[in-house]
Amino acid sequence: MGKITVNDTMQQGYTYETTARIGDVHSEDFDPWCPPAKMLEMGVFEGKYLNDCRDEFPKTWFEGAKLADGKADAELNYFGIKSRQPLSVWKEKGWIIGPDPRGWFQWYCRYWMGRRLEGVDDKQKSRWRNFRRHAGQVKKACDPGDVYCRPKQRQALLQWAHDPLI
């Protein structure tokens, strides 16, 4: 399908091949709620994700994206709350897997673009499935229709491509 070369602040000269069609991500074990562009438009990661990676992904992803000009801005998040941890915490906990130094969402964006990596994809899909437990907790604790109950969990669900409006 094609090759993409990455040159941003966290990766220089990394090249990956796309072997699947863009957006061909849904399967029995992986059915994300929305595409990366919609997540960026709704407001994720306090506007500080992929800001220096725009050349890697389609320009349309960033047309309606809520991106911070300077430092992270929790008001840009869909639920208006702080929702991210420093990259050092992600590394400490072993959440950085394979060639994606920014974590799960970077993997998801590249997977959406058509990159497939044996082992890495299965591990990231498993992490996505395990995150579903938060949806169950929200459903159990919140009244139907009250989308502002448990905003931190809902923001996290959105950032993992799960439906935060359940």
C-alpha atoms as a PDB file:
ATOM      1  CA  MET A   1       0.000   0.000   0.000  1.00  0.00           C
ATOM      2  CA  GLY A   2       2.697   2.491   0.937  1.00  0.00           C
ATOM      3  CA  LYS A   3       5.521   3.604   3.176  1.00  0.00           C
ATOM      4  CA  ILE A   4       5.445   6.403   5.709  1.00  0.00           C
ATOM      5  CA  THR A   5       8.593   7.990   7.091  1.00  0.00           C
ATOM      6  CA  VAL A   6       8.396   9.727  10.438  1.00  0.00           C
ATOM      7  CA  ASN A   7      10.528  12.721  11.416  1.00  0.00           C
ATOM      8  CA  ASP A   8       9.234  14.403  14.548  1.00  0.00           C
ATOM      9  CA  THR A   9      10.632  15.314  17.942  1.00  0.00           C
ATOM     10  CA  MET A  10      10.380  11.748  19.265  1.00  0.00           C
ATOM     11  CA  GLN A  11      11.299   9.724  16.164  1.00  0.00           C
ATOM     12  CA  GLN A  12      13.714  10.471  13.347  1.00  0.00           C
ATOM     13  CA  GLY A  13      13.842   8.356  10.216  1.00  0.00           C
ATOM     14  CA  TYR A  14      11.378   5.705  11.415  1.00  0.00           C
ATOM     15  CA  THR A  15       9.663   4.136   8.402  1.00  0.00           C
ATOM     16  CA  TYR A  16       6.684   1.852   8.416  1.00  0.00           C
ATOM     17  CA  GLU A  17       4.739   0.123   5.702  1.00  0.00           C
ATOM     18  CA  THR A  18       0.979   0.217   5.429  1.00  0.00           C
ATOM     19  CA  THR A  19      -0.460  -3.115   4.361  1.00  0.00           C
ATOM     20  CA  ALA A  20      -4.151  -2.571   5.118  1.00  0.00           C
ATOM     21  CA  ARG A  21      -6.575   0.086   3.897  1.00  0.00           C
ATOM     22  CA  ILE A  22      -6.961   3.230   5.976  1.00  0.00           C
ATOM     23  CA  GLY A  23      -9.689   2.697   8.547  1.00  0.00           C
ATOM     24  CA  ASP A  24      -9.816  -1.088   8.123  1.00  0.00           C
ATOM     25  CA  VAL A  25      -9.481  -1.737  11.851  1.00  0.00           C
ATOM     26  CA  HIS A  26     -12.689  -3.369  13.042  1.00  0.00           C
ATOM     27  CA  SER A  27     -12.645  -7.053  13.899  1.00  0.00           C
ATOM     28  CA  GLU A  28     -14.210  -9.479  16.323  1.00  0.00           C
ATOM     29  CA  ASP A  29     -11.630  -8.601  18.990  1.00  0.00           C
ATOM     30  CA  PHE A  30     -11.191  -4.890  18.230  1.00  0.00           C
ATOM     31  CA  ASP A  31     -14.071  -2.533  17.510  1.00  0.00           C
ATOM     32  CA  PRO A  32     -13.099   1.048  18.423  1.00  0.00           C
ATOM     33  CA  TRP A  33     -15.918   3.546  18.886  1.00  0.00           C
ATOM     34  CA  CYS A  34     -14.488   6.271  16.674  1.00  0.00           C
ATOM     35  CA  PRO A  35     -11.570   7.114  14.407  1.00  0.00           C
ATOM     36  CA  PRO A  36      -8.549   9.143  15.536  1.00  0.00           C
ATOM     37  CA  ALA A  37      -9.774  12.273  13.703  1.00  0.00           C
ATOM     38  CA  LYS A  38     -13.031  12.255  15.682  1.00  0.00           C
ATOM     39  CA  MET A  39     -11.130  11.770  18.927  1.00  0.00           C
ATOM     40  CA  LEU A  40      -8.920  14.786  18.145  1.00  0.00           C
ATOM     41  CA  GLU A  41     -12.007  16.811  17.221  1.00  0.00           C
ATOM     42  CA  MET A  42     -13.792  15.911  20.456  1.00  0.00           C
ATOM     43  CA  GLY A  43     -10.788  16.867  22.573  1.00  0.00           C
ATOM     44  CA  VAL A  44      -8.242  14.400  23.912  1.00  0.00           C
ATOM     45  CA  PHE A  45      -4.958  14.557  25.804  1.00  0.00           C
ATOM     46  CA  GLU A  46      -5.417  18.234  26.680  1.00  0.00           C
ATOM     47  CA  GLY A  47      -4.606  19.176  23.083  1.00  0.00           C
ATOM     48  CA  LYS A  48      -1.003  17.966  23.355  1.00  0.00           C
ATOM     49  CA  TYR A  49      -0.899  14.863  21.219  1.00  0.00           C
ATOM     50  CA  LEU A  50       0.438  14.554  17.687  1.00  0.00           C
ATOM     51  CA  ASN A  51       1.048  18.308  17.531  1.00  0.00           C
ATOM     52  CA  ASP A  52       4.446  17.801  15.910  1.00  0.00           C
ATOM     53  CA  CYS A  53       3.347  14.710  13.929  1.00  0.00           C
ATOM     54  CA  ARG A  54       0.915  16.282  11.500  1.00  0.00           C
ATOM     55  CA  ASP A  55       2.978  15.335   8.449  1.00  0.00           C
ATOM     56  CA  GLU A  56       2.562  11.638   9.300  1.00  0.00           C
ATOM     57  CA  PHE A  57      -1.239  11.648   9.216  1.00  0.00           C
ATOM     58  CA  PRO A  58      -3.938  12.996   6.876  1.00  0.00           C
ATOM     59  CA  LYS A  59      -4.403  16.767   7.047  1.00  0.00           C
ATOM     60  CA  THR A  60      -8.155  16.202   7.501  1.00  0.00           C
ATOM     61  CA  TRP A  61      -7.477  14.730  10.949  1.00  0.00           C
ATOM     62  CA  PHE A  62      -6.375  18.148  12.163  1.00  0.00           C
ATOM     63  CA  GLU A  63      -8.982  20.381  10.510  1.00  0.00           C
ATOM     64  CA  GLY A  64     -11.327  20.281  13.496  1.00  0.00           C
ATOM     65  CA  ALA A  65      -8.846  19.026  16.091  1.00  0.00           C
ATOM     66  CA  LYS A  66      -8.634  20.717  19.461  1.00  0.00           C
ATOM     67  CA  LEU A  67      -4.893  21.307  19.798  1.00  0.00           C
ATOM     68  CA  ALA A  68      -3.060  23.411  22.362  1.00  0.00           C
ATOM     69  CA  ASP A  69      -0.832  26.171  21.056  1.00  0.00           C
ATOM     70  CA  GLY A  70       1.528  25.985  23.999  1.00  0.00           C
ATOM     71  CA  LYS A  71       1.264  23.864  27.095  1.00  0.00           C
ATOM     72  CA  ALA A  72      -1.455  21.292  27.762  1.00  0.00           C
ATOM     73  CA  ASP A  73      -4.915  22.755  28.314  1.00  0.00           C
ATOM     74  CA  ALA A  74      -7.456  20.603  30.164  1.00  0.00           C
ATOM     75  CA  GLU A  75     -10.278  22.838  28.870  1.00  0.00           C
ATOM     76  CA  LEU A  76      -9.670  21.377  25.394  1.00  0.00           C
ATOM     77  CA  ASN A  77     -10.670  17.920  26.598  1.00  0.00           C
ATOM     78  CA  TYR A  78     -14.235  16.882  25.877  1.00  0.00           C
ATOM     79  CA  PHE A  79     -15.030  16.713  29.574  1.00  0.00           C
ATOM     80  CA  GLY A  80     -12.843  19.712  30.454  1.00  0.00           C
ATOM     81  CA  ILE A  81     -10.702  17.880  32.997  1.00  0.00           C
ATOM     82  CA  LYS A  82      -7.020  17.002  33.330  1.00  0.00           C
ATOM     83  CA  SER A  83      -6.523  13.560  31.922  1.00  0.00           C
ATOM     84  CA  ARG A  84      -2.960  12.764  31.132  1.00  0.00           C
ATOM     85  CA  GLN A  85       0.093  11.540  32.934  1.00  0.00           C
ATOM     86  CA  PRO A  86       3.679  12.404  32.056  1.00  0.00           C
ATOM     87  CA  LEU A  87       5.397  10.188  29.513  1.00  0.00           C
ATOM     88  CA  SER A  88       7.829   9.170  32.274  1.00  0.00           C
ATOM     89  CA  VAL A  89       4.937   7.433  34.072  1.00  0.00           C
ATOM     90  CA  TRP A  90       3.952   5.588  30.887  1.00  0.00           C
ATOM     91  CA  LYS A  91       7.526   4.357  30.463  1.00  0.00           C
ATOM     92  CA  GLU A  92       7.817   3.377  34.131  1.00  0.00           C
ATOM     93  CA  LYS A  93       4.634   1.300  33.912  1.00  0.00           C
ATOM     94  CA  GLY A  94       5.675  -0.407  30.653  1.00  0.00           C
ATOM     95  CA  TRP A  95       2.883   1.181  28.613  1.00  0.00           C
ATOM     96  CA  ILE A  96       5.185   2.124  25.719  1.00  0.00           C
ATOM     97  CA  ILE A  97       5.155  -0.857  23.387  1.00  0.00           C
ATOM     98  CA  GLY A  98       7.070  -1.369  20.157  1.00  0.00           C
ATOM     99  CA  PRO A  99       8.023   1.533  17.913  1.00  0.00           C
ATOM    100  CA  ASP A 100       5.401   3.953  19.243  1.00  0.00           C
ATOM    101  CA  PRO A 101       7.110   6.262  21.767  1.00  0.00           C
ATOM    102  CA  ARG A 102       3.878   8.184  22.450  1.00  0.00           C
ATOM    103  CA  GLY A 103       1.902   5.128  23.537  1.00  0.00           C
ATOM    104  CA  TRP A 104      -1.450   3.569  22.727  1.00  0.00           C
ATOM    105  CA  PHE A 105      -3.015   6.437  20.764  1.00  0.00           C
ATOM    106  CA  GLN A 106      -0.004   6.675  18.465  1.00  0.00           C
ATOM    107  CA  TRP A 107      -0.258   2.930  17.887  1.00  0.00           C
ATOM    108  CA  TYR A 108      -3.992   3.326  17.157  1.00  0.00           C
ATOM    109  CA  CYS A 109      -3.369   6.136  14.668  1.00  0.00           C
ATOM    110  CA  ARG A 110      -0.765   4.068  12.851  1.00  0.00           C
ATOM    111  CA  TYR A 111      -2.968   0.988  12.943  1.00  0.00           C
ATOM    112  CA  TRP A 112      -5.796   3.106  11.482  1.00  0.00           C
ATOM    113  CA  MET A 113      -3.403   4.190   8.716  1.00  0.00           C
ATOM    114  CA  GLY A 114      -2.837   0.517   7.823  1.00  0.00           C
ATOM    115  CA  ARG A 115       0.355  -0.430   9.663  1.00  0.00           C
ATOM    116  CA  ARG A 116       0.330  -3.967  11.021  1.00  0.00           C
ATOM    117  CA  LEU A 117       2.917  -5.290  13.474  1.00  0.00           C
ATOM    118  CA  GLU A 118       2.908  -8.866  14.654  1.00  0.00           C
ATOM    119  CA  GLY A 119       2.840  -9.104  18.440  1.00  0.00           C
ATOM    120  CA  VAL A 120       2.485  -5.366  19.011  1.00  0.00           C
ATOM    121  CA  ASP A 121      -1.021  -5.217  17.512  1.00  0.00           C
ATOM    122  CA  ASP A 122      -2.278  -8.114  19.624  1.00  0.00           C
ATOM    123  CA  LYS A 123      -0.862  -6.602  22.802  1.00  0.00           C
ATOM    124  CA  GLN A 124      -2.386  -3.166  22.115  1.00  0.00           C
ATOM    125  CA  LYS A 125      -5.766  -4.648  21.211  1.00  0.00           C
ATOM    126  CA  SER A 126      -5.676  -6.603  24.460  1.00  0.00           C
ATOM    127  CA  ARG A 127      -4.986  -3.405  26.398  1.00  0.00           C
ATOM    128  CA  TRP A 128      -7.927  -1.755  24.592  1.00  0.00           C
ATOM    129  CA  ARG A 129     -10.239  -4.672  25.497  1.00  0.00           C
ATOM    130  CA  ASN A 130      -9.113  -4.564  29.128  1.00  0.00           C
ATOM    131  CA  PHE A 131      -9.952  -0.873  29.299  1.00  0.00           C
ATOM    132  CA  ARG A 132     -13.637  -1.694  28.677  1.00  0.00           C
ATOM    133  CA  ARG A 133     -14.022  -2.362  32.389  1.00  0.00           C
ATOM    134  CA  HIS A 134     -14.239   1.409  32.872  1.00  0.00           C
ATOM    135  CA  ALA A 135     -17.389   1.507  30.747  1.00  0.00           C
ATOM    136  CA  GLY A 136     -18.950  -1.060  33.069  1.00  0.00           C
ATOM    137  CA  GLN A 137     -17.997   1.005  36.100  1.00  0.00           C
ATOM    138  CA  VAL A 138     -19.528   4.145  34.564  1.00  0.00           C
ATOM    139  CA  LYS A 139     -22.750   2.322  33.679  1.00  0.00           C
ATOM    140  CA  LYS A 140     -23.005   0.902  37.182  1.00  0.00           C
ATOM    141  CA  ALA A 141     -22.356   4.210  38.976  1.00  0.00           C
ATOM    142  CA  CYS A 142     -24.157   6.722  36.760  1.00  0.00           C
ATOM    143  CA  ASP A 143     -27.775   7.396  35.898  1.00  0.00           C
ATOM    144  CA  PRO A 144     -28.605   6.903  32.210  1.00  0.00           C
ATOM    145  CA  GLY A 145     -28.169  10.170  30.323  1.00  0.00           C
ATOM    146  CA  ASP A 146     -25.936  11.783  32.958  1.00  0.00           C
ATOM    147  CA  VAL A 147     -22.839  12.165  30.763  1.00  0.00           C
ATOM    148  CA  TYR A 148     -21.065  14.303  33.372  1.00  0.00           C
ATOM    149  CA  CYS A 149     -21.031  11.575  36.000  1.00  0.00           C
ATOM    150  CA  ARG A 150     -17.443  10.281  36.355  1.00  0.00           C
ATOM    151  CA  PRO A 151     -15.853  12.711  33.879  1.00  0.00           C
ATOM    152  CA  LYS A 152     -12.306  11.393  34.384  1.00  0.00           C
ATOM    153  CA  GLN A 153     -13.327   7.865  33.500  1.00  0.00           C
ATOM    154  CA  ARG A 154     -15.353   9.111  30.546  1.00  0.00           C
ATOM    155  CA  GLN A 155     -12.418  11.176  29.266  1.00  0.00           C
ATOM    156  CA  ALA A 156     -10.193   8.119  29.605  1.00  0.00           C
ATOM    157  CA  LEU A 157     -12.726   6.016  27.690  1.00  0.00           C
ATOM    158  CA  LEU A 158     -12.678   8.557  24.868  1.00  0.00           C
ATOM    159  CA  GLN A 159      -8.880   8.536  24.822  1.00  0.00           C
ATOM    160  CA  TRP A 160      -9.018   4.768  24.384  1.00  0.00           C
ATOM    161  CA  ALA A 161     -11.579   4.964  21.538  1.00  0.00           C
ATOM    162  CA  HIS A 162     -14.439   3.692  23.702  1.00  0.00           C
ATOM    163  CA  ASP A 163     -17.822   5.434  23.813  1.00  0.00           C
ATOM    164  CA  PRO A 164     -17.642   7.949  26.679  1.00  0.00           C
ATOM    165  CA  LEU A 165     -21.319   8.883  26.350  1.00  0.00           C
ATOM    166  CA  ILE A 166     -22.674   5.489  27.396  1.00  0.00           C
END
